[in-house]
Amino acid sequence: MNTPGQNQFEIDCHGVDAKRKNGETFLFVDCREADEYATAHIEGTVLIPMSEIDTRVGELETQKNDEIIVHCHHGGRSLRVAHWLAEKGFTNVKSMAGGIDQWASEIDPSIQRY
């Protein structure tokens, strides 16, 4: 689900939440650093920090054509990672606009905001 101002590489947190509730299959990647993940994370995400994506991209190779949604704290890093993955040939990658901060505010208030 895209809202005005979002591009083809973005999905809002409500759209991601709907996909999860509908049982849709996608890889949910957290591209924040390990210390941020330890502070707060969304259950079911896979941590691949932006600082390691170039050396760990091989871990995603088998999912090159699968849906991948990347998130970070506010959406900036994840959008860069989504663009980078698309340049590497990943065909269905999006960034969660607003990141975990918006998720904690609008979807799951039990997640600590920082």
Foldseek 3Di string as FASTA:
>chain_A
DDDPPDDLQEDAPVVVVVCVVVVHDEAEEEQDDPVVVVQWDDPRHHYDHLVRCVVCVVVCVVCLAGAYEYFYQAFPSRSVVQVVSVVVRRDHHHYHHGGPQVCCVPPNVVTDRD
